[in-house]
Amino acid sequence: MNLRGVIEGFYGEPWSHEERLDLLAFCGRHGLNTWVHAPKDDPYHRKRWRDPYPDEELERFAELARDAARHGVELVWAIAPGLSLREDDASELEALDAKRDQLRGAGVETFQLLWDDIERDALKPERQAEIANEFSRGEPLVVCPMGYAGNERTPYRDAFAAQLDAQIVVYWTGPEVVPETITRDDLEAAADAFHGHELLLWDNYPVNDFDVERLFLAPLRGRDPSLADGVAGIVGNGMLQAVPSKLALATVADYARDPACYDPVTSFEQAVAQHGAEVVEALRTATARADVPRPRDIPALVDALAPGVDAATAVALLEPFV
């Protein structure tokens, strides 16, 4: 896949600046070439999207942009104005442009526009598409629609996709918001539903904002290798816990680099060897040690971790392997 990355796209406390710097280096080591900044609770990304970032936060973006370039990663900043954008106010596009210009001044060169998780009557789908077209002005752009999950044609998708410029790429999370499997048939149906627009897979694994105490540490599974030549790429949505996200995201990287040869167990074994110790260390704050049977080997460890586990259980399961 050409685009292989991480998206910080969850609800909850965003990652710290230090965690982002650490994960950018992680992306470089694992061949992930894209980082998307889209944490829902960054107020300047979503709730207060019109307001410029304070100087100290802008300086952090400048450092992120420099570090991203050093690691061969493209830093992408996404804006999500749908909560409050006034669709008939021409000055709103000026506000979008001004915010983009501020981030450009910090060294960010690539931008995305997100309409996810807003009220269905907040903004007409045709107007969402028109604003995306105006924001793009012919430059490459990825847009997240309101209807980002599922394969079927809908009135929203018909109205949105028909107005959207042909070169704009559309985010899609698969047949569900958090799918267990994604097949080529799913992709073909979704591409048809979006009138042939190229899709970028926003993979909601290992994200855990719907159950923050539950950690998804197992490898990525259930992704058809044949998705590779049908999507623009894949971005894995991390957990609120930055360092523990590395185990799963390392396997996302392996899948994205070579889907046809990807083996989840082999990939996970390598991820544990590289990152297991730091993940265990990051999770040692658990107040009690869990009493769980020790998995006999890596495949058994994968099965034990797959449903999602709490921190204490994660430490007990991982410790014998690090």
Protein backbone atom coordinates (compact mmCIF):
# COMPACT_ATOMS: atom_id res chain seq x y z
CA MET A 1 0.00 0.00 0.00
CA ASN A 2 1.33 3.44 -0.89
CA LEU A 3 -0.12 5.24 2.11
CA ARG A 4 0.68 3.48 5.38
CA GLY A 5 0.12 5.31 8.60
CA VAL A 6 -1.20 6.08 12.04
CA ILE A 7 -4.11 8.36 12.86
CA GLU A 8 -4.54 9.91 16.28
CA GLY A 9 -8.28 10.03 15.83
CA PHE A 10 -9.84 8.95 19.12
CA TYR A 11 -12.06 10.59 21.75
CA GLY A 12 -10.34 11.26 25.06
CA GLU A 13 -7.13 12.87 26.24
CA PRO A 14 -4.84 13.34 23.24
CA TRP A 15 -1.33 11.94 23.23
CA SER A 16 1.33 14.17 24.73
CA HIS A 17 3.92 15.92 22.60
CA GLU A 18 6.60 13.53 23.85
CA GLU A 19 4.45 10.53 22.98
CA ARG A 20 3.93 11.88 19.47
CA LEU A 21 7.65 12.38 18.97
CA ASP A 22 8.27 8.83 20.17
CA LEU A 23 5.61 7.40 17.89
CA LEU A 24 6.89 9.35 14.88
CA ALA A 25 10.24 7.62 15.38
CA PHE A 26 8.33 4.33 15.70
CA CYS A 27 6.58 5.02 12.39
CA GLY A 28 9.90 5.63 10.67
CA ARG A 29 11.36 2.38 12.00
CA HIS A 30 8.35 0.37 10.83
CA GLY A 31 7.95 1.87 7.38
CA LEU A 32 4.82 3.86 8.18
CA ASN A 33 4.94 6.97 6.03
CA THR A 34 1.92 8.98 7.24
CA TRP A 35 0.84 10.52 10.55
CA VAL A 36 -2.61 12.11 10.79
CA HIS A 37 -3.32 14.54 13.63
CA ALA A 38 -7.06 14.30 14.33
CA PRO A 39 -7.70 13.79 18.07
CA LYS A 40 -11.34 14.60 18.74
CA ASP A 41 -10.51 16.37 22.00
CA ASP A 42 -7.92 18.70 20.55
CA PRO A 43 -10.19 21.77 20.74
CA TYR A 44 -8.41 23.55 17.88
CA HIS A 45 -9.02 20.58 15.60
CA ARG A 46 -12.77 20.31 16.20
CA LYS A 47 -14.73 22.27 18.80
CA ARG A 48 -12.80 25.53 18.40
CA TRP A 49 -11.65 24.92 14.85
CA ARG A 50 -11.82 28.61 13.90
CA ASP A 51 -9.42 29.67 16.67
CA PRO A 52 -5.70 29.73 15.89
CA TYR A 53 -3.40 27.53 17.93
CA PRO A 54 -1.54 29.34 20.72
CA ASP A 55 2.10 30.04 19.93
CA GLU A 56 3.45 27.29 22.19
CA GLU A 57 1.26 24.64 20.53
CA LEU A 58 2.25 25.88 17.10
CA GLU A 59 5.90 25.49 18.07
CA ARG A 60 5.17 21.87 18.94
CA PHE A 61 3.68 21.30 15.49
CA ALA A 62 6.81 22.80 13.98
CA GLU A 63 8.92 20.30 15.91
CA LEU A 64 6.61 17.45 14.87
CA ALA A 65 6.92 18.51 11.23
CA ARG A 66 10.71 18.56 11.44
CA ASP A 67 10.84 15.19 13.18
CA ALA A 68 8.36 13.66 10.77
CA ALA A 69 10.49 14.72 7.81
CA ARG A 70 13.59 13.31 9.51
CA HIS A 71 11.88 9.93 9.88
CA GLY A 72 10.42 9.88 6.37
CA VAL A 73 6.87 10.44 7.60
CA GLU A 74 4.33 12.86 6.15
CA LEU A 75 2.69 14.92 8.89
CA VAL A 76 -1.00 15.49 8.09
CA TRP A 77 -3.25 17.87 9.99
CA ALA A 78 -7.01 17.33 9.83
CA ILE A 79 -9.73 19.85 10.60
CA ALA A 80 -13.25 18.89 11.69
CA PRO A 81 -15.54 21.93 11.48
CA GLY A 82 -18.88 20.16 11.26
CA LEU A 83 -20.06 20.78 14.83
CA SER A 84 -20.55 24.49 14.23
CA LEU A 85 -19.85 25.43 10.61
CA ARG A 86 -22.47 27.78 9.16
CA GLU A 87 -23.12 26.42 5.69
CA ASP A 88 -24.45 29.68 4.20
CA ASP A 89 -21.72 31.92 5.64
CA ALA A 90 -19.00 32.57 3.04
CA SER A 91 -16.56 33.66 5.74
CA GLU A 92 -16.42 30.09 7.06
CA LEU A 93 -14.25 28.99 4.13
CA GLU A 94 -11.96 31.93 4.89
CA ALA A 95 -11.68 30.62 8.45
CA LEU A 96 -10.77 27.17 7.15
CA ASP A 97 -8.12 28.68 4.90
CA ALA A 98 -6.73 30.82 7.72
CA LYS A 99 -6.37 27.79 9.98
CA ARG A 100 -4.64 25.83 7.23
CA ASP A 101 -2.31 28.77 6.60
CA GLN A 102 -1.37 28.86 10.28
CA LEU A 103 -0.37 25.18 10.20
CA ARG A 104 1.45 25.68 6.91
CA GLY A 105 3.52 28.32 8.65
CA ALA A 106 4.61 25.64 11.12
CA GLY A 107 5.74 23.31 8.36
CA VAL A 108 2.63 21.15 7.84
CA GLU A 109 2.04 20.60 4.13
CA THR A 110 -0.82 18.10 3.94
CA PHE A 111 -4.39 18.54 5.20
CA GLN A 112 -7.61 16.60 5.55
CA LEU A 113 -11.25 17.58 6.12
CA LEU A 114 -13.45 15.51 8.44
CA TRP A 115 -17.26 15.51 8.65
CA ASP A 116 -17.52 12.47 10.92
CA ASP A 117 -19.71 12.26 14.03
CA ILE A 118 -21.93 15.29 13.51
CA GLU A 119 -25.71 15.56 13.60
CA ARG A 120 -27.31 14.42 10.36
CA ASP A 121 -29.18 17.70 9.92
CA ALA A 122 -26.13 19.84 10.78
CA LEU A 123 -24.96 20.28 7.20
CA LYS A 124 -26.45 19.09 3.92
CA PRO A 125 -24.35 16.39 2.24
CA GLU A 126 -24.17 18.41 -0.98
CA ARG A 127 -22.79 21.35 0.99
CA GLN A 128 -20.23 19.11 2.70
CA ALA A 129 -19.01 18.10 -0.75
CA GLU A 130 -18.99 21.68 -2.04
CA ILE A 131 -16.93 22.89 0.92
CA ALA A 132 -14.50 20.00 0.41
CA ASN A 133 -14.14 20.95 -3.26
CA GLU A 134 -13.52 24.58 -2.37
CA PHE A 135 -11.06 23.63 0.38
CA SER A 136 -9.18 21.33 -1.99
CA ARG A 137 -8.88 23.74 -4.93
CA GLY A 138 -7.56 20.89 -7.02
CA GLU A 139 -4.89 19.85 -4.51
CA PRO A 140 -4.85 16.31 -3.07
CA LEU A 141 -7.36 15.98 -0.25
CA VAL A 142 -8.80 13.21 1.92
CA VAL A 143 -12.29 13.76 3.32
CA CYS A 144 -14.12 11.78 5.98
CA PRO A 145 -17.86 11.66 5.26
CA MET A 146 -20.60 11.44 7.86
CA GLY A 147 -21.43 7.95 6.64
CA TYR A 148 -17.96 6.45 6.92
CA ALA A 149 -18.89 2.87 7.89
CA GLY A 150 -20.82 0.27 5.92
CA ASN A 151 -20.93 -0.89 2.33
CA GLU A 152 -24.39 0.05 1.13
CA ARG A 153 -25.59 2.92 -1.01
CA THR A 154 -27.53 5.52 0.97
CA PRO A 155 -29.25 8.82 0.14
CA TYR A 156 -26.45 10.59 2.01
CA ARG A 157 -23.71 8.88 0.00
CA ASP A 158 -25.50 9.49 -3.28
CA ALA A 159 -25.85 13.19 -2.54
CA PHE A 160 -22.34 13.59 -1.11
CA ALA A 161 -20.33 11.55 -3.59
CA ALA A 162 -22.10 12.89 -6.66
CA GLN A 163 -21.01 16.45 -5.79
CA LEU A 164 -17.49 15.59 -4.63
CA ASP A 165 -14.63 16.28 -7.05
CA ALA A 166 -13.36 13.07 -8.60
CA GLN A 167 -9.78 13.36 -7.29
CA ILE A 168 -10.81 13.66 -3.62
CA VAL A 169 -10.18 10.50 -1.60
CA VAL A 170 -12.82 9.33 0.91
CA TYR A 171 -12.21 7.73 4.31
CA TRP A 172 -13.97 4.42 5.00
CA THR A 173 -13.75 2.30 8.17
CA GLY A 174 -15.02 -0.92 6.64
CA PRO A 175 -18.38 -2.69 6.91
CA GLU A 176 -18.64 -1.55 10.55
CA VAL A 177 -17.18 1.25 12.65
CA VAL A 178 -14.94 -1.34 14.34
CA PRO A 179 -15.02 -4.34 11.99
CA GLU A 180 -13.65 -7.79 12.76
CA THR A 181 -13.11 -8.48 9.07
CA ILE A 182 -12.87 -6.46 5.87
CA THR A 183 -13.14 -8.33 2.57
CA ARG A 184 -12.58 -7.33 -1.03
CA ASP A 185 -16.34 -7.68 -1.58
CA ASP A 186 -16.88 -5.14 1.21
CA LEU A 187 -14.50 -2.76 -0.52
CA GLU A 188 -16.06 -3.17 -3.96
CA ALA A 189 -19.53 -2.47 -2.57
CA ALA A 190 -18.32 0.57 -0.65
CA ALA A 191 -16.50 1.98 -3.68
CA ASP A 192 -19.72 1.67 -5.66
CA ALA A 193 -21.65 3.34 -2.84
CA PHE A 194 -19.26 6.30 -3.02
CA HIS A 195 -19.65 6.53 -6.82
CA GLY A 196 -16.18 5.20 -7.54
CA HIS A 197 -14.19 7.56 -5.33
CA GLU A 198 -10.90 6.11 -4.16
CA LEU A 199 -11.15 5.00 -0.53
CA LEU A 200 -8.62 5.30 2.27
CA LEU A 201 -9.08 2.73 5.00
CA TRP A 202 -9.39 4.34 8.44
CA ASP A 203 -8.93 1.13 10.39
CA ASN A 204 -10.36 1.42 13.89
CA TYR A 205 -7.85 -1.02 15.29
CA PRO A 206 -6.51 -0.91 17.96
CA VAL A 207 -8.54 2.16 19.08
CA ASN A 208 -10.26 1.75 22.47
CA ASP A 209 -12.02 5.04 23.20
CA PHE A 210 -15.31 3.13 23.48
CA ASP A 211 -13.84 1.11 26.40
CA VAL A 212 -10.70 2.85 27.64
CA GLU A 213 -9.71 0.18 30.20
CA ARG A 214 -9.71 -2.48 27.51
CA LEU A 215 -6.42 -2.79 25.68
CA PHE A 216 -6.21 -4.20 22.17
CA LEU A 217 -2.67 -5.53 21.98
CA ALA A 218 -3.06 -8.44 19.58
CA PRO A 219 -2.06 -8.28 15.91
CA LEU A 220 -4.29 -6.95 13.16
CA ARG A 221 -6.38 -9.79 11.78
CA GLY A 222 -9.26 -10.29 9.36
CA ARG A 223 -8.03 -7.92 6.64
CA ASP A 224 -8.18 -9.34 3.12
CA PRO A 225 -4.77 -9.12 1.41
CA SER A 226 -6.53 -8.14 -1.82
CA LEU A 227 -7.55 -4.82 -0.30
CA ALA A 228 -4.05 -3.65 -1.15
CA ASP A 229 -4.64 -2.72 -4.78
CA GLY A 230 -8.12 -1.33 -4.18
CA VAL A 231 -7.54 1.38 -1.56
CA ALA A 232 -5.31 4.42 -1.32
CA GLY A 233 -3.82 2.95 1.85
CA ILE A 234 -4.50 2.31 5.51
CA VAL A 235 -4.17 4.32 8.71
CA GLY A 236 -4.49 2.52 12.06
CA ASN A 237 -6.31 4.44 14.78
CA GLY A 238 -4.28 4.13 17.98
CA MET A 239 -5.45 3.59 21.54
CA LEU A 240 -5.49 6.34 24.15
CA GLN A 241 -2.46 4.54 25.62
CA ALA A 242 0.32 5.55 23.24
CA VAL A 243 3.12 3.10 24.04
CA PRO A 244 0.86 0.01 24.32
CA SER A 245 -0.50 0.90 20.87
CA LYS A 246 2.88 -0.03 19.41
CA LEU A 247 2.27 -3.78 19.52
CA ALA A 248 -0.80 -3.64 17.29
CA LEU A 249 0.43 -0.75 15.14
CA ALA A 250 3.64 -2.61 14.33
CA THR A 251 1.49 -5.38 12.86
CA VAL A 252 -0.61 -2.84 10.94
CA ALA A 253 2.68 -1.66 9.45
CA ASP A 254 3.64 -5.20 8.42
CA TYR A 255 0.24 -5.78 6.83
CA ALA A 256 0.37 -2.46 4.99
CA ARG A 257 3.87 -3.10 3.63
CA ASP A 258 3.11 -6.54 2.22
CA PRO A 259 -0.49 -7.72 2.66
CA ALA A 260 -0.01 -10.86 0.60
CA CYS A 261 2.80 -12.16 2.83
CA TYR A 262 1.46 -10.82 6.14
CA ASP A 263 1.26 -13.42 8.89
CA PRO A 264 -0.31 -12.04 12.10
CA VAL A 265 1.46 -14.42 14.48
CA THR A 266 4.92 -13.91 12.97
CA SER A 267 4.37 -10.16 12.87
CA PHE A 268 3.22 -10.12 16.48
CA GLU A 269 6.18 -12.19 17.63
CA GLN A 270 8.49 -9.60 16.10
CA ALA A 271 6.49 -6.76 17.67
CA VAL A 272 6.76 -8.34 21.13
CA ALA A 273 10.51 -8.77 20.69
CA GLN A 274 10.89 -5.11 19.73
CA HIS A 275 8.31 -3.42 21.95
CA GLY A 276 7.04 -5.93 24.52
CA ALA A 277 9.34 -4.75 27.33
CA GLU A 278 8.40 -1.09 26.99
CA VAL A 279 4.71 -1.96 26.78
CA VAL A 280 4.93 -4.01 29.97
CA GLU A 281 6.80 -1.17 31.67
CA ALA A 282 4.18 1.34 30.57
CA LEU A 283 1.40 -0.85 32.00
CA ARG A 284 3.01 -1.67 35.36
CA THR A 285 0.94 1.04 37.04
CA ALA A 286 -1.89 -1.49 37.31
CA THR A 287 -2.80 -1.71 41.00
CA ALA A 288 -2.94 -5.49 41.19
CA ARG A 289 -1.33 -8.35 39.35
CA ALA A 290 -3.77 -10.55 37.51
CA ASP A 291 -3.73 -14.28 38.10
CA VAL A 292 -4.08 -15.74 34.63
CA PRO A 293 -2.74 -18.91 33.01
CA ARG A 294 0.50 -18.39 31.13
CA PRO A 295 0.07 -18.86 27.36
CA ARG A 296 2.22 -21.71 26.11
CA ASP A 297 3.43 -19.90 22.98
CA ILE A 298 2.92 -16.82 20.81
CA PRO A 299 -0.21 -18.12 19.02
CA ALA A 300 -1.79 -18.78 22.43
CA LEU A 301 -0.74 -15.30 23.57
CA VAL A 302 -2.41 -13.81 20.50
CA ASP A 303 -5.64 -15.66 21.28
CA ALA A 304 -5.54 -14.54 24.92
CA LEU A 305 -5.03 -10.88 23.99
CA ALA A 306 -7.42 -10.77 21.03
CA PRO A 307 -10.66 -9.93 22.92
CA GLY A 308 -8.98 -6.98 24.65
CA VAL A 309 -7.68 -7.13 28.22
CA ASP A 310 -7.16 -4.81 31.17
CA ALA A 311 -3.69 -3.54 32.02
CA ALA A 312 -3.00 -6.01 34.82
CA THR A 313 -3.95 -8.96 32.65
CA ALA A 314 -1.86 -7.59 29.79
CA VAL A 315 1.23 -7.43 32.01
CA ALA A 316 0.70 -10.96 33.31
CA LEU A 317 0.26 -12.35 29.81
CA LEU A 318 3.12 -10.47 28.17
CA GLU A 319 5.77 -10.68 30.90
CA PRO A 320 6.89 -14.27 30.18
CA PHE A 321 7.60 -13.28 26.55
CA VAL A 322 9.69 -10.14 27.11
